[in-house]
């Protein structure tokens, strides 16, 4: 089902016309809150120097991804199909028999490893973006400037996957039924289909039924490592990538997350990161209105957990069939990060409490808080559970170690060519 009748080019306002004007419980009005600029968030007694920020970004994103309930559903894709079919049948049984005992993903006589706590699709598509950043150092790209090398690498990365989609489409009666060597959001699958059909950005993102979702926002978190301390350039790079799969608020959200992460990677505090994100969210858009309102709500609460009911009732949509709109998940992530003062142990659990946006809001909050706190801010148990990708969305990334990937990204930034 569609989220709205507006064309992508008209922005998210058209998509939200039927739901964005809903009344807010408690009578609170949308505010124009702008967080203070500058300042640094201290982490631990005495505010020691934060290290390994890229590692914190990747592990924080993966931990947030794992914390959301949809992760188990995504990871269950590695189980035999009959296990997922049985779960669906049990869900139907519960519905038809009015039982309140609800099924969860099951293993039965299969190894249960895929169902254990761990990252899923968001972390794997973040690694996909990291590959493009690393690919920018390939000699095949010649002596292009730094910005042009990264853009060329992003295009090569998308084109390579699109060629696989094209090959799969040739074997299928229609592209929608093609069996792809990956699992992806509707926006990504549609964007790849458009590329395979010969379209180019921005048409691949504009002519897309889920142009408004937050798939590019997750990728933007990683692309920010190319421009630490330069939120404007990071946002521009994120938009270049986002145009392959998004339009409207999907692009605005990617720009905002990239700006926030680029600011965090430079050592600024949570308030400065949120301010940088807000600069990328036009006031006349749904995502811009939601972000300003969500941040205004922060001033009325003492903790991130206390903010959850306000976000649930005033920001999160309860009408649409998917909880992946950038206009909701990005404002939620920014507000919870600010309310938690950048502390991952507070922001991520609070985001996971918002079940309708738990597919990506915890990951976005985790990425930002992880970059603020560095690798050491991720608890050891979470680090152990979330550092290795399972390949549930991108099988070729099975076994990828996020700590090692962070090291490669760090090294690439130290040795990057000029321009």
Protein backbone atom coordinates (compact mmCIF):
# COMPACT_ATOMS: atom_id res chain seq x y z
CA UNK A 1 0.00 0.00 0.00
CA UNK A 2 1.20 3.53 -0.64
CA UNK A 3 2.21 5.98 2.04
CA UNK A 4 0.74 8.95 0.24
CA UNK A 5 -0.54 10.22 -3.05
CA UNK A 6 2.03 12.96 -3.61
CA UNK A 7 4.71 12.53 -6.25
CA UNK A 8 8.26 12.23 -4.93
CA UNK A 9 9.23 15.45 -6.57
CA UNK A 10 6.68 17.30 -4.49
CA UNK A 11 8.53 16.40 -1.30
CA UNK A 12 7.35 14.51 1.73
CA UNK A 13 4.59 16.99 2.41
CA UNK A 14 2.48 15.33 -0.27
CA UNK A 15 3.24 11.88 1.08
CA UNK A 16 2.23 12.93 4.55
CA UNK A 17 -0.89 14.87 3.67
CA UNK A 18 -3.15 12.22 5.13
CA UNK A 19 -1.30 11.69 8.39
CA UNK A 20 1.13 14.51 9.15
CA UNK A 21 -1.57 16.82 10.48
CA UNK A 22 -2.79 14.45 13.17
CA UNK A 23 -3.55 16.02 16.52
CA UNK A 24 -0.92 15.62 19.21
CA UNK A 25 -2.02 14.18 22.57
CA UNK A 26 -1.60 16.59 25.42
CA UNK A 27 -2.18 19.63 23.27
CA UNK A 28 1.51 20.37 22.74
CA UNK A 29 2.29 22.31 19.59
CA UNK A 30 5.18 21.81 17.24
CA UNK A 31 8.09 23.91 18.40
CA UNK A 32 10.94 25.64 16.64
CA UNK A 33 13.60 24.34 19.01
CA UNK A 34 17.16 24.82 17.81
CA UNK A 35 19.78 23.09 19.98
CA UNK A 36 22.73 25.17 21.16
CA UNK A 37 25.83 25.03 19.02
CA UNK A 38 29.33 24.14 20.07
CA UNK A 39 30.47 22.29 23.13
CA UNK A 40 31.75 18.78 23.60
CA UNK A 41 30.11 15.88 25.34
CA UNK A 42 32.31 14.30 28.00
CA UNK A 43 32.47 10.54 28.25
CA UNK A 44 33.40 9.18 31.64
CA UNK A 45 35.11 10.79 34.65
CA UNK A 46 37.26 13.74 33.68
CA UNK A 47 36.19 13.64 30.05
CA UNK A 48 39.09 11.59 28.59
CA UNK A 49 39.97 11.91 24.94
CA UNK A 50 37.62 9.75 22.89
CA UNK A 51 39.31 7.36 20.49
CA UNK A 52 38.29 4.95 17.75
CA UNK A 53 35.27 6.99 16.68
CA UNK A 54 34.76 5.11 13.39
CA UNK A 55 34.82 1.85 15.31
CA UNK A 56 32.25 3.29 17.70
CA UNK A 57 30.11 4.37 14.75
CA UNK A 58 30.06 0.90 13.18
CA UNK A 59 29.65 -1.04 16.43
CA UNK A 60 27.05 1.41 17.72
CA UNK A 61 25.07 1.10 14.51
CA UNK A 62 25.32 -2.70 14.67
CA UNK A 63 24.29 -2.80 18.33
CA UNK A 64 21.29 -0.58 17.64
CA UNK A 65 20.40 -2.73 14.66
CA UNK A 66 20.55 -5.84 16.84
CA UNK A 67 18.54 -4.25 19.65
CA UNK A 68 15.45 -3.68 17.52
CA UNK A 69 12.97 -6.55 17.39
CA UNK A 70 12.99 -6.73 13.54
CA UNK A 71 16.61 -7.94 13.63
CA UNK A 72 15.48 -11.44 14.60
CA UNK A 73 13.11 -11.48 11.63
CA UNK A 74 15.89 -10.39 9.29
CA UNK A 75 18.37 -12.90 10.68
CA UNK A 76 15.76 -15.65 10.36
CA UNK A 77 16.25 -15.37 6.60
CA UNK A 78 19.26 -17.62 7.12
CA UNK A 79 17.01 -20.36 8.48
CA UNK A 80 15.26 -22.91 6.24
CA UNK A 81 12.13 -21.47 4.63
CA UNK A 82 9.87 -23.93 6.42
CA UNK A 83 10.80 -22.44 9.80
CA UNK A 84 9.56 -19.03 8.69
CA UNK A 85 6.43 -20.58 7.18
CA UNK A 86 5.69 -22.32 10.47
CA UNK A 87 6.07 -19.01 12.32
CA UNK A 88 3.53 -17.45 9.96
CA UNK A 89 1.14 -20.36 10.53
CA UNK A 90 1.47 -19.98 14.30
CA UNK A 91 0.73 -16.28 13.95
CA UNK A 92 -2.41 -17.13 11.98
CA UNK A 93 -3.37 -19.66 14.66
CA UNK A 94 -3.03 -16.99 17.35
CA UNK A 95 -5.19 -14.60 15.35
CA UNK A 96 -7.91 -17.13 14.59
CA UNK A 97 -8.02 -18.58 18.11
CA UNK A 98 -7.72 -15.28 19.99
CA UNK A 99 -4.66 -16.43 21.91
CA UNK A 100 -2.23 -13.93 23.40
CA UNK A 101 0.72 -16.31 23.14
CA UNK A 102 2.49 -14.91 20.10
CA UNK A 103 5.13 -16.78 18.09
CA UNK A 104 8.74 -15.74 17.66
CA UNK A 105 11.26 -16.89 15.03
CA UNK A 106 12.03 -20.55 15.68
CA UNK A 107 14.82 -23.04 15.02
CA UNK A 108 13.28 -26.34 16.22
CA UNK A 109 15.77 -29.00 15.08
CA UNK A 110 17.98 -26.50 13.24
CA UNK A 111 21.11 -24.79 14.64
CA UNK A 112 19.79 -21.64 16.39
CA UNK A 113 22.84 -19.45 15.70
CA UNK A 114 21.05 -17.20 13.14
CA UNK A 115 18.44 -16.28 15.76
CA UNK A 116 20.87 -15.17 18.44
CA UNK A 117 21.45 -11.49 19.19
CA UNK A 118 23.36 -9.82 16.40
CA UNK A 119 23.26 -7.22 13.63
CA UNK A 120 21.10 -7.61 10.56
CA UNK A 121 20.27 -5.62 7.44
CA UNK A 122 21.21 -2.11 8.58
CA UNK A 123 24.73 -3.11 9.58
CA UNK A 124 25.24 -4.97 6.31
CA UNK A 125 24.10 -2.09 4.13
CA UNK A 126 26.32 0.19 6.21
CA UNK A 127 29.22 -2.10 5.32
CA UNK A 128 28.11 -1.84 1.69
CA UNK A 129 28.65 1.92 1.93
CA UNK A 130 32.00 1.38 3.63
CA UNK A 131 33.10 -0.69 0.64
CA UNK A 132 32.52 2.30 -1.60
CA UNK A 133 34.64 4.53 0.65
CA UNK A 134 37.46 1.99 0.59
CA UNK A 135 37.09 1.49 -3.14
CA UNK A 136 37.85 5.18 -3.64
CA UNK A 137 41.48 4.32 -3.00
CA UNK A 138 41.69 1.88 -5.92
CA UNK A 139 44.26 2.70 -8.58
CA UNK A 140 41.62 2.03 -11.25
CA UNK A 141 40.08 5.41 -10.43
CA UNK A 142 43.23 7.18 -11.59
CA UNK A 143 44.22 10.64 -10.42
CA UNK A 144 40.74 12.04 -9.82
CA UNK A 145 40.19 14.42 -6.92
CA UNK A 146 39.13 12.94 -3.59
CA UNK A 147 35.48 13.90 -4.03
CA UNK A 148 35.32 12.57 -7.57
CA UNK A 149 37.03 9.32 -6.57
CA UNK A 150 34.46 8.64 -3.87
CA UNK A 151 31.56 9.45 -6.16
CA UNK A 152 32.98 7.23 -8.87
CA UNK A 153 33.43 4.44 -6.32
CA UNK A 154 29.83 4.80 -5.15
CA UNK A 155 28.61 4.61 -8.73
CA UNK A 156 30.75 1.54 -9.45
CA UNK A 157 29.44 -0.16 -6.31
CA UNK A 158 25.80 0.44 -7.23
CA UNK A 159 26.38 -0.44 -10.88
CA UNK A 160 27.98 -3.75 -9.95
CA UNK A 161 24.98 -4.79 -7.87
CA UNK A 162 22.57 -3.54 -10.55
CA UNK A 163 24.29 -5.77 -13.09
CA UNK A 164 23.53 -8.74 -10.84
CA UNK A 165 19.91 -7.60 -10.69
CA UNK A 166 19.80 -7.31 -14.48
CA UNK A 167 21.14 -10.85 -14.83
CA UNK A 168 18.54 -12.13 -12.36
CA UNK A 169 15.79 -10.25 -14.20
CA UNK A 170 16.67 -12.00 -17.43
CA UNK A 171 15.93 -15.29 -15.73
CA UNK A 172 12.57 -14.10 -14.32
CA UNK A 173 9.23 -13.33 -16.03
CA UNK A 174 9.28 -9.81 -14.53
CA UNK A 175 11.83 -7.84 -12.55
CA UNK A 176 9.68 -7.76 -9.40
CA UNK A 177 9.85 -11.55 -9.16
CA UNK A 178 13.57 -11.81 -9.84
CA UNK A 179 15.48 -13.84 -7.26
CA UNK A 180 18.25 -11.52 -6.15
CA UNK A 181 21.50 -12.41 -4.35
CA UNK A 182 20.55 -10.00 -1.57
CA UNK A 183 17.75 -8.80 0.69
CA UNK A 184 16.96 -5.10 0.66
CA UNK A 185 14.45 -2.40 1.48
CA UNK A 186 11.74 -1.67 -1.06
CA UNK A 187 13.49 1.57 -2.00
CA UNK A 188 16.79 -0.19 -2.61
CA UNK A 189 15.23 -3.02 -4.56
CA UNK A 190 13.29 -0.52 -6.70
CA UNK A 191 16.37 1.65 -7.18
CA UNK A 192 18.43 -1.32 -8.30
CA UNK A 193 15.64 -2.36 -10.65
CA UNK A 194 15.64 1.13 -12.13
CA UNK A 195 19.41 1.01 -12.59
CA UNK A 196 19.15 -2.40 -14.21
CA UNK A 197 16.51 -1.00 -16.58
CA UNK A 198 18.86 1.77 -17.68
CA UNK A 199 17.72 4.69 -15.51
CA UNK A 200 20.21 6.89 -13.70
CA UNK A 201 20.00 8.99 -10.53
CA UNK A 202 18.04 11.01 -9.63
CA UNK A 203 15.38 9.14 -11.61
CA UNK A 204 16.23 5.87 -9.82
CA UNK A 205 15.29 7.45 -6.50
CA UNK A 206 12.50 9.69 -7.74
CA UNK A 207 10.60 6.98 -9.63
CA UNK A 208 10.54 4.83 -6.52
CA UNK A 209 7.57 3.75 -4.38
CA UNK A 210 9.58 4.11 -1.15
CA UNK A 211 11.57 7.23 -2.00
CA UNK A 212 10.79 8.54 1.51
CA UNK A 213 12.30 5.71 3.55
CA UNK A 214 15.51 5.79 5.58
CA UNK A 215 17.63 3.24 3.72
CA UNK A 216 20.07 5.93 2.60
CA UNK A 217 20.25 7.36 6.12
CA UNK A 218 22.03 4.24 7.34
CA UNK A 219 24.50 4.42 4.46
CA UNK A 220 25.01 8.13 5.11
CA UNK A 221 26.29 7.42 8.62
CA UNK A 222 29.25 5.57 7.14
CA UNK A 223 29.83 7.90 4.21
CA UNK A 224 30.42 10.67 6.76
CA UNK A 225 33.82 9.15 7.54
CA UNK A 226 35.03 10.58 4.22
CA UNK A 227 34.60 14.12 5.55
CA UNK A 228 35.09 14.22 9.33
CA UNK A 229 34.52 17.70 10.65
CA UNK A 230 32.98 18.92 7.40
CA UNK A 231 29.21 18.38 7.69
CA UNK A 232 28.39 20.24 4.46
CA UNK A 233 30.64 18.05 2.30
CA UNK A 234 29.51 14.94 4.13
CA UNK A 235 25.88 15.88 3.45
CA UNK A 236 26.61 16.46 -0.23
CA UNK A 237 28.26 13.05 -0.51
CA UNK A 238 25.35 11.40 1.28
CA UNK A 239 22.92 13.03 -1.13
CA UNK A 240 24.92 11.76 -4.11
CA UNK A 241 24.51 8.22 -2.78
CA UNK A 242 20.92 8.71 -1.62
CA UNK A 243 19.75 9.74 -5.09
CA UNK A 244 20.23 6.14 -6.23
CA UNK A 245 17.34 5.03 -4.01
CA UNK A 246 15.56 8.03 -2.48
CA UNK A 247 13.96 11.41 -3.05
CA UNK A 248 12.35 14.04 -0.82
CA UNK A 249 12.64 13.28 2.88
CA UNK A 250 14.70 10.19 2.12
CA UNK A 251 17.42 12.47 0.78
CA UNK A 252 16.99 15.11 3.49
CA UNK A 253 17.36 12.44 6.16
CA UNK A 254 20.55 11.11 4.60
CA UNK A 255 22.03 14.60 4.48
CA UNK A 256 21.10 15.17 8.13
CA UNK A 257 22.63 11.94 9.40
CA UNK A 258 25.82 12.50 7.42
CA UNK A 259 26.15 16.02 8.80
CA UNK A 260 25.57 14.81 12.35
CA UNK A 261 28.10 11.99 12.03
CA UNK A 262 30.73 14.19 10.38
CA UNK A 263 30.37 16.58 13.30
CA UNK A 264 30.63 13.76 15.84
CA UNK A 265 33.76 12.40 14.17
CA UNK A 266 35.44 15.76 14.73
CA UNK A 267 34.92 15.52 18.49
CA UNK A 268 31.94 17.83 18.93
CA UNK A 269 29.19 17.10 21.42
CA UNK A 270 25.68 15.81 20.90
CA UNK A 271 24.15 19.28 20.78
CA UNK A 272 26.45 20.39 17.95
CA UNK A 273 25.75 17.17 16.03
CA UNK A 274 22.01 17.69 16.28
CA UNK A 275 22.39 21.31 15.20
CA UNK A 276 24.37 20.22 12.14
CA UNK A 277 21.65 17.72 11.25
CA UNK A 278 18.94 20.32 11.68
CA UNK A 279 20.69 22.60 9.20
CA UNK A 280 20.01 19.95 6.53
CA UNK A 281 16.28 19.60 7.25
CA UNK A 282 14.17 22.27 5.53
CA UNK A 283 11.45 23.64 7.78
CA UNK A 284 8.74 23.15 5.16
CA UNK A 285 9.23 19.37 4.94
CA UNK A 286 7.68 16.66 7.07
CA UNK A 287 11.08 15.56 8.32
CA UNK A 288 12.00 19.15 9.16
CA UNK A 289 8.80 19.74 11.11
CA UNK A 290 9.07 16.43 12.93
CA UNK A 291 12.71 16.97 13.84
CA UNK A 292 12.08 20.41 15.31
CA UNK A 293 9.08 19.17 17.24
CA UNK A 294 10.93 16.09 18.53
CA UNK A 295 13.84 18.23 19.70
CA UNK A 296 11.45 20.62 21.41
CA UNK A 297 10.05 17.66 23.34
CA UNK A 298 13.52 16.94 24.73
CA UNK A 299 13.31 20.08 26.86
CA UNK A 300 10.24 18.70 28.62
CA UNK A 301 11.92 15.47 29.80
CA UNK A 302 14.79 14.46 32.05
CA UNK A 303 15.87 11.24 30.34
CA UNK A 304 15.74 9.47 27.01
CA UNK A 305 13.38 6.88 28.48
CA UNK A 306 10.99 9.61 29.61
CA UNK A 307 10.94 10.91 26.05
CA UNK A 308 9.68 7.62 24.59
CA UNK A 309 5.91 8.13 25.16
CA UNK A 310 6.06 11.66 23.75
CA UNK A 311 7.80 10.48 20.60
CA UNK A 312 5.42 7.52 20.32
CA UNK A 313 2.32 9.73 20.42
CA UNK A 314 3.54 12.84 18.63
CA UNK A 315 6.15 11.75 16.07
CA UNK A 316 5.64 8.07 15.22
CA UNK A 317 2.98 7.30 12.61
CA UNK A 318 0.43 4.59 13.39
CA UNK A 319 -1.29 4.45 10.00
CA UNK A 320 1.23 3.34 7.40
CA UNK A 321 2.16 -0.31 6.96
CA UNK A 322 5.94 0.14 7.36
CA UNK A 323 7.83 1.98 10.08
CA UNK A 324 10.78 3.08 7.97
CA UNK A 325 9.99 6.67 7.00
CA UNK A 326 13.00 8.95 7.36
CA UNK A 327 10.59 11.65 8.53
CA UNK A 328 10.10 9.61 11.72
CA UNK A 329 13.25 7.59 12.33
CA UNK A 330 15.73 10.44 11.88
CA UNK A 331 13.90 12.84 14.25
CA UNK A 332 13.56 10.03 16.79
CA UNK A 333 17.27 9.20 16.60
CA UNK A 334 18.32 12.84 16.92
CA UNK A 335 15.98 13.54 19.83
CA UNK A 336 17.00 10.45 21.79
CA UNK A 337 20.69 11.13 21.21
CA UNK A 338 20.25 14.65 22.54
CA UNK A 339 18.14 13.49 25.49
CA UNK A 340 20.78 10.89 26.35
CA UNK A 341 23.62 13.43 25.96
CA UNK A 342 25.19 11.06 23.47
CA UNK A 343 25.28 8.06 25.83
CA UNK A 344 24.65 4.93 23.81
CA UNK A 345 23.48 2.89 26.81
CA UNK A 346 20.53 5.28 27.20
CA UNK A 347 19.67 6.23 23.62
CA UNK A 348 19.61 2.78 21.99
CA UNK A 349 17.34 1.02 24.53
CA UNK A 350 14.96 3.97 24.40
CA UNK A 351 14.85 3.81 20.60
CA UNK A 352 14.20 0.07 20.75
CA UNK A 353 11.15 0.79 22.93
CA UNK A 354 9.53 2.52 19.95
CA UNK A 355 8.46 -0.71 18.31
CA UNK A 356 7.06 0.81 15.12
CA UNK A 357 10.39 2.42 14.20
CA UNK A 358 12.63 -0.22 15.78
CA UNK A 359 13.90 -1.45 12.42
CA UNK A 360 16.28 1.49 12.04
CA UNK A 361 15.86 4.22 14.67
CA UNK A 362 18.00 2.30 17.21
CA UNK A 363 20.69 1.79 14.56
CA UNK A 364 20.73 5.49 13.64
CA UNK A 365 20.90 6.51 17.30
CA UNK A 366 23.57 3.89 17.93
CA UNK A 367 25.72 5.13 15.06
CA UNK A 368 25.63 8.72 16.29
CA UNK A 369 26.19 7.84 19.94
CA UNK A 370 28.92 5.39 18.98
CA UNK A 371 30.78 8.07 17.06
CA UNK A 372 30.38 10.44 20.00
CA UNK A 373 31.65 7.90 22.53
CA UNK A 374 34.16 6.00 20.44
CA UNK A 375 34.78 2.27 20.36
CA UNK A 376 35.12 2.08 24.13
CA UNK A 377 31.52 3.22 24.70
CA UNK A 378 30.07 -0.02 23.33
CA UNK A 379 29.80 -2.58 26.17
CA UNK A 380 32.02 -5.62 25.70
CA UNK A 381 29.11 -8.07 25.53
CA UNK A 382 27.48 -6.02 22.76
CA UNK A 383 30.80 -5.65 21.01
CA UNK A 384 31.28 -9.41 21.01
CA UNK A 385 27.73 -10.09 19.78
CA UNK A 386 27.64 -7.43 17.07
CA UNK A 387 31.08 -7.13 15.50
CA UNK A 388 30.59 -9.89 12.90
CA UNK A 389 28.05 -9.74 10.06
CA UNK A 390 25.93 -12.82 9.41
CA UNK A 391 25.12 -12.18 5.74
CA UNK A 392 21.35 -12.21 6.25
CA UNK A 393 20.90 -9.33 3.75
CA UNK A 394 24.13 -9.36 1.75
CA UNK A 395 25.46 -12.93 1.82
CA UNK A 396 28.81 -11.94 0.33
CA UNK A 397 29.51 -9.95 3.51
CA UNK A 398 29.14 -13.01 5.76
CA UNK A 399 31.89 -12.98 8.37
CA UNK A 400 32.85 -9.33 7.89
CA UNK A 401 34.45 -8.03 11.09
CA UNK A 402 33.28 -4.49 11.81
CA UNK A 403 36.27 -3.72 14.01
CA UNK A 404 38.61 -4.67 11.18
CA UNK A 405 36.46 -2.70 8.75
CA UNK A 406 36.73 0.35 11.01
CA UNK A 407 40.49 -0.05 11.01
CA UNK A 408 40.54 -0.08 7.23
CA UNK A 409 38.41 3.06 7.11
CA UNK A 410 40.68 4.78 9.64
CA UNK A 411 43.74 3.87 7.59
CA UNK A 412 42.07 5.03 4.38
CA UNK A 413 41.42 8.45 5.90
CA UNK A 414 45.03 8.78 7.04
CA UNK A 415 46.39 7.98 3.59
CA UNK A 416 43.70 9.51 1.40
CA UNK A 417 44.84 11.45 -1.65
CA UNK A 418 44.35 15.19 -1.72
CA UNK A 419 41.61 17.09 -3.43
